[in-house]
Structure formats: C-alpha cells, structure tokens
N, C-alpha and C. Protein backbone atom coordinates (compact mmCIF):
# COMPACT_ATOMS: atom_id res chain seq x y z
N MET A 1 -45.94 28.69 -44.55
CA MET A 1 -45.45 28.46 -46.10
C MET A 1 -44.53 28.07 -46.24
N TYR A 2 -43.61 28.27 -44.86
CA TYR A 2 -42.01 27.67 -44.97
C TYR A 2 -41.90 26.19 -45.69
N TRP A 3 -43.11 25.27 -45.30
CA TRP A 3 -42.60 24.05 -45.61
C TRP A 3 -43.40 23.90 -47.09
N GLY A 4 -44.31 24.62 -47.65
CA GLY A 4 -44.56 24.84 -48.84
C GLY A 4 -43.43 25.25 -49.74
N ASN A 5 -42.51 26.20 -49.35
CA ASN A 5 -41.52 26.39 -49.98
C ASN A 5 -40.30 25.38 -50.24
N ARG A 6 -40.14 24.87 -49.42
CA ARG A 6 -39.29 23.58 -49.18
C ARG A 6 -39.75 22.45 -50.31
N VAL A 7 -40.96 22.09 -50.32
CA VAL A 7 -41.53 21.18 -50.95
C VAL A 7 -41.53 21.71 -52.13
N ALA A 8 -41.48 22.81 -52.72
CA ALA A 8 -41.75 23.16 -54.32
C ALA A 8 -40.21 23.16 -54.63
N VAL A 9 -39.03 23.53 -53.90
CA VAL A 9 -37.94 23.57 -54.17
C VAL A 9 -37.21 21.81 -54.37
N LEU A 10 -37.72 21.33 -53.64
CA LEU A 10 -37.57 19.62 -53.44
C LEU A 10 -37.99 19.08 -55.10
N ILE A 11 -39.13 19.54 -55.51
CA ILE A 11 -40.05 19.27 -56.57
C ILE A 11 -39.04 19.77 -57.96
N GLU A 12 -38.62 21.18 -57.68
CA GLU A 12 -37.82 21.58 -58.56
C GLU A 12 -36.57 21.02 -58.72
N PHE A 13 -36.01 20.32 -57.68
CA PHE A 13 -34.71 19.76 -57.86
C PHE A 13 -34.64 18.36 -58.63
N LEU A 14 -35.81 17.30 -58.26
CA LEU A 14 -36.45 16.42 -58.50
C LEU A 14 -36.20 16.32 -60.39
N GLY A 15 -37.09 17.51 -60.49
CA GLY A 15 -37.22 17.70 -61.99
C GLY A 15 -35.88 17.89 -62.50
N TRP A 16 -35.11 18.52 -62.20
CA TRP A 16 -33.58 18.56 -62.59
C TRP A 16 -33.22 17.64 -62.64
N MET A 17 -33.31 16.62 -61.66
CA MET A 17 -32.36 15.54 -61.57
C MET A 17 -32.86 14.30 -62.66
N ALA A 18 -34.10 14.35 -62.68
CA ALA A 18 -34.69 13.84 -63.82
C ALA A 18 -34.49 14.12 -65.54
N ALA A 19 -34.32 15.40 -65.44
CA ALA A 19 -33.95 15.35 -66.69
C ALA A 19 -32.55 15.43 -67.13
N ALA A 20 -31.51 15.48 -66.19
CA ALA A 20 -30.20 15.23 -66.18
C ALA A 20 -29.76 13.69 -66.81
N CYS A 21 -30.57 12.92 -65.80
CA CYS A 21 -30.27 11.73 -66.08
C CYS A 21 -31.17 10.98 -67.45
N THR A 22 -32.21 11.70 -67.63
CA THR A 22 -32.75 11.01 -69.01
C THR A 22 -31.90 11.90 -70.14
N THR A 23 -31.31 12.99 -70.27
CA THR A 23 -31.03 13.48 -71.06
C THR A 23 -29.28 12.92 -71.25
N PHE A 24 -28.93 12.94 -70.47
CA PHE A 24 -27.25 12.46 -70.46
C PHE A 24 -27.42 11.00 -70.80
N SER A 25 -28.38 10.35 -70.64
CA SER A 25 -28.12 8.80 -71.03
C SER A 25 -28.29 8.54 -72.42
N PHE A 26 -28.41 9.68 -73.20
CA PHE A 26 -28.27 9.44 -74.68
C PHE A 26 -26.88 10.00 -75.23
N ILE A 27 -25.86 10.49 -74.30
CA ILE A 27 -24.83 10.55 -74.59
C ILE A 27 -23.63 9.54 -75.27
N PRO A 28 -23.64 8.37 -74.25
CA PRO A 28 -23.15 7.21 -74.57
C PRO A 28 -23.68 6.85 -76.02
N GLN A 29 -24.78 6.60 -76.28
CA GLN A 29 -24.90 6.19 -77.39
C GLN A 29 -24.40 6.77 -78.60
N VAL A 30 -24.84 8.25 -78.37
CA VAL A 30 -24.29 8.97 -79.71
C VAL A 30 -22.80 8.83 -80.02
N LEU A 31 -22.16 8.64 -78.88
CA LEU A 31 -20.68 8.70 -78.83
C LEU A 31 -20.18 7.31 -79.54
N LYS A 32 -21.05 6.14 -79.21
CA LYS A 32 -20.43 4.74 -79.43
C LYS A 32 -20.90 4.82 -81.23
N ILE A 33 -22.02 5.39 -81.57
CA ILE A 33 -22.61 5.53 -82.91
C ILE A 33 -21.52 6.10 -83.63
N PHE A 34 -21.06 7.46 -83.01
CA PHE A 34 -20.02 8.19 -83.73
C PHE A 34 -18.78 7.32 -84.33
N ARG A 35 -18.26 6.68 -83.24
CA ARG A 35 -16.89 6.48 -83.01
C ARG A 35 -17.34 5.02 -84.06
N SER A 36 -18.16 4.20 -83.86
CA SER A 36 -18.03 2.93 -84.42
C SER A 36 -18.64 3.05 -86.09
N ARG A 37 -19.41 3.89 -86.26
CA ARG A 37 -20.05 4.59 -87.56
C ARG A 37 -21.03 3.28 -88.10
N SER A 38 -21.54 2.44 -86.75
CA SER A 38 -22.38 1.63 -86.82
C SER A 38 -23.85 1.97 -86.68
N VAL A 39 -24.74 1.84 -87.65
CA VAL A 39 -26.24 2.11 -87.19
C VAL A 39 -26.98 1.17 -87.84
N LYS A 40 -26.57 0.02 -87.79
CA LYS A 40 -27.39 -1.06 -88.87
C LYS A 40 -28.79 -1.42 -87.84
N ASP A 41 -28.41 -1.40 -86.37
CA ASP A 41 -29.79 -1.89 -85.16
C ASP A 41 -30.34 -0.67 -85.04
N ILE A 42 -29.96 0.49 -85.49
CA ILE A 42 -31.13 1.78 -85.04
C ILE A 42 -32.14 1.62 -85.78
N SER A 43 -33.56 1.83 -85.44
CA SER A 43 -34.31 1.60 -85.77
C SER A 43 -35.16 3.10 -86.32
N VAL A 44 -35.14 3.62 -87.50
CA VAL A 44 -35.62 4.89 -88.00
C VAL A 44 -36.99 5.21 -87.52
N LEU A 45 -37.96 4.29 -87.73
CA LEU A 45 -39.38 4.39 -87.23
C LEU A 45 -39.40 5.07 -85.77
N MET A 46 -38.38 4.03 -85.32
CA MET A 46 -38.59 4.52 -83.46
C MET A 46 -38.16 5.61 -83.21
N TYR A 47 -37.06 6.02 -83.88
CA TYR A 47 -36.45 7.52 -83.61
C TYR A 47 -37.20 8.46 -84.31
N LEU A 48 -37.80 8.41 -85.43
CA LEU A 48 -39.17 9.11 -85.54
C LEU A 48 -39.98 9.49 -84.63
N ILE A 49 -40.66 8.29 -84.23
CA ILE A 49 -41.64 8.58 -83.64
C ILE A 49 -41.05 9.31 -81.96
N PHE A 50 -40.00 8.78 -81.62
CA PHE A 50 -39.51 9.45 -80.29
C PHE A 50 -39.44 10.91 -80.41
N CYS A 51 -38.65 11.01 -81.64
CA CYS A 51 -38.42 12.83 -81.75
C CYS A 51 -39.86 13.44 -81.80
N LEU A 52 -41.14 12.72 -82.39
CA LEU A 52 -42.29 13.63 -82.43
C LEU A 52 -42.75 13.88 -81.17
N GLY A 53 -42.48 12.57 -80.05
CA GLY A 53 -42.91 12.55 -78.87
C GLY A 53 -41.97 13.65 -77.84
N LEU A 54 -41.09 13.93 -78.12
CA LEU A 54 -40.11 14.76 -77.56
C LEU A 54 -40.40 16.25 -78.08
N LEU A 55 -40.68 16.56 -79.14
CA LEU A 55 -41.79 17.65 -79.69
C LEU A 55 -42.40 18.14 -78.99
N ILE A 56 -43.65 17.26 -78.53
CA ILE A 56 -44.73 17.14 -78.03
C ILE A 56 -44.58 17.57 -76.41
N TRP A 57 -43.58 16.98 -75.91
CA TRP A 57 -42.98 16.97 -74.33
C TRP A 57 -42.53 18.70 -74.32
N ILE A 58 -41.61 18.99 -75.40
CA ILE A 58 -41.36 20.40 -75.39
C ILE A 58 -42.62 21.18 -75.20
N ILE A 59 -43.25 21.27 -76.20
CA ILE A 59 -45.02 22.08 -76.36
C ILE A 59 -45.39 21.95 -74.99
N TYR A 60 -45.70 21.08 -74.27
CA TYR A 60 -46.15 20.68 -72.90
C TYR A 60 -45.25 21.52 -71.89
N GLY A 61 -44.02 21.39 -71.95
CA GLY A 61 -43.36 21.76 -70.79
C GLY A 61 -43.71 23.63 -71.08
N LEU A 62 -43.38 24.02 -72.36
CA LEU A 62 -43.46 25.58 -72.45
C LEU A 62 -44.70 26.22 -72.22
N CYS A 63 -46.03 25.09 -72.04
CA CYS A 63 -47.33 25.49 -71.74
C CYS A 63 -47.22 25.64 -69.95
N LEU A 64 -46.72 24.55 -69.33
CA LEU A 64 -46.48 24.70 -68.11
C LEU A 64 -45.44 25.60 -67.25
N LYS A 65 -44.55 26.50 -68.56
CA LYS A 65 -43.68 26.89 -67.95
C LYS A 65 -42.68 26.37 -66.97
N SER A 66 -42.21 24.90 -67.67
CA SER A 66 -41.23 24.22 -66.69
C SER A 66 -39.92 24.31 -67.45
N ILE A 67 -38.79 24.83 -66.96
CA ILE A 67 -37.53 24.96 -67.48
C ILE A 67 -36.59 23.64 -67.28
N PRO A 68 -36.71 22.64 -66.46
CA PRO A 68 -36.48 21.75 -66.51
C PRO A 68 -37.04 20.54 -67.68
N LEU A 69 -38.22 20.74 -67.66
CA LEU A 69 -38.65 19.54 -68.82
C LEU A 69 -38.59 20.30 -70.31
N VAL A 70 -38.51 21.46 -70.26
CA VAL A 70 -38.17 22.06 -71.72
C VAL A 70 -36.62 21.75 -72.02
N LEU A 71 -35.81 22.30 -71.29
CA LEU A 71 -34.05 22.12 -71.45
C LEU A 71 -33.87 20.76 -71.61
N ALA A 72 -34.52 19.70 -70.67
CA ALA A 72 -34.11 18.20 -70.81
C ALA A 72 -34.84 17.74 -72.40
N ASN A 73 -35.78 18.37 -72.60
CA ASN A 73 -36.56 17.42 -74.22
C ASN A 73 -35.60 18.43 -75.09
N VAL A 74 -35.37 19.54 -75.11
CA VAL A 74 -34.62 20.24 -75.95
C VAL A 74 -33.00 19.47 -76.18
N VAL A 75 -32.64 19.19 -75.35
CA VAL A 75 -31.12 18.47 -75.35
C VAL A 75 -31.25 16.98 -75.78
N THR A 76 -32.57 16.59 -75.39
CA THR A 76 -32.49 14.69 -75.92
C THR A 76 -33.01 15.27 -77.14
N PHE A 77 -33.69 16.06 -77.74
CA PHE A 77 -34.23 15.96 -79.03
C PHE A 77 -33.14 16.29 -80.18
N GLY A 78 -32.15 16.92 -79.65
CA GLY A 78 -30.88 17.29 -80.44
C GLY A 78 -30.14 15.91 -80.30
N LEU A 79 -29.92 15.22 -79.30
CA LEU A 79 -29.16 14.12 -79.33
C LEU A 79 -29.88 13.12 -80.23
N ALA A 80 -31.25 12.77 -80.22
CA ALA A 80 -31.98 11.70 -80.66
C ALA A 80 -31.84 12.22 -82.28
N CYS A 81 -31.87 13.43 -82.76
CA CYS A 81 -31.69 13.81 -84.06
C CYS A 81 -30.66 13.47 -84.61
N ALA A 82 -29.42 13.66 -83.70
CA ALA A 82 -28.04 13.18 -84.30
C ALA A 82 -28.05 11.72 -84.59
N ILE A 83 -28.68 10.96 -83.84
CA ILE A 83 -28.84 9.68 -83.79
C ILE A 83 -29.71 9.27 -85.19
N LEU A 84 -30.65 9.89 -85.34
CA LEU A 84 -31.34 9.64 -86.70
C LEU A 84 -30.24 10.02 -87.94
N VAL A 85 -30.20 11.33 -87.88
CA VAL A 85 -29.33 11.63 -88.96
C VAL A 85 -28.18 10.70 -89.24
N MET A 86 -27.27 10.61 -88.28
CA MET A 86 -26.34 9.29 -88.59
C MET A 86 -27.01 8.26 -89.29
N LYS A 87 -27.76 7.62 -88.82
CA LYS A 87 -28.51 6.25 -89.23
C LYS A 87 -28.99 6.43 -90.68
N ILE A 88 -29.62 7.95 -90.87
CA ILE A 88 -29.92 7.84 -92.54
C ILE A 88 -28.43 8.12 -93.28
N LEU A 89 -27.52 8.83 -92.87
CA LEU A 89 -26.66 9.28 -93.59
C LEU A 89 -25.82 8.14 -93.88
N TRP A 90 -25.68 7.51 -92.81
CA TRP A 90 -24.45 6.39 -92.49
C TRP A 90 -25.34 5.44 -93.26
N ASN A 91 -26.41 4.94 -93.21
CA ASN A 91 -27.14 3.83 -93.80
C ASN A 91 -26.79 3.60 -95.10
N LYS A 92 -26.98 5.20 -95.91
CA LYS A 92 -27.39 5.29 -97.28
C LYS A 92 -25.40 4.94 -97.85
N LYS A 93 -24.42 5.27 -96.95
CA LYS A 93 -23.13 5.20 -97.64
C LYS A 93 -22.69 3.57 -97.62
N ASN A 94 -23.58 2.82 -96.40
CA ASN A 94 -23.11 1.43 -96.54
C ASN A 94 -23.83 0.50 -97.37
N ASN A 95 -24.79 1.06 -97.95
CA ASN A 95 -25.67 0.23 -98.85
C ASN A 95 -25.21 0.73 -100.42
C-alpha cells in the first residue's frame, strides 16, 4: 500500500498544479482588460458558454469531492465572470 499512497499523493499534486496553471492564466487577461478598458475583441457568447461549462465542472468536482477541481473552477469562474461583466458594462459605455 505504500506505493499506492505515493501515487495518490502524486495524482493530487498534479491536480493542484493543473488547477493553479489554468486558474492563474486568467489573471493577466483580467488585469489587461481592467487597465486598458478595452473589451472590443471579447466574445460575450464565448464567455457565457465558458461560464456555464465552469459551473458544470464545479458540480462535477463537488460530486467527486475533488477540492482542486472545485477550487480551480470556482476561482476561474470568478475571473471569467469579471471579464464578462467588464465586457457588458464597458461595451455599453463605449457605444
């Protein structure tokens, strides 16, 4: 069972690393949009579908009781929603 425990720890570590990479990859985009106030090339439909997918991932992660999966998708959902809100609000101001 010793090797099984090591494999489980490695798998959990991989989950956390994947979660960190995919989640934190949104931060530069959020900051760029916030600083430039430019949302002209952002697709509202893409972000709506993406946010829906993230909600489904969150439900899936809850069903599996996977903390990395849930946390990563909750944070990514928040960042994606921030982009979507900026797009909707700032697009109205620019029109």
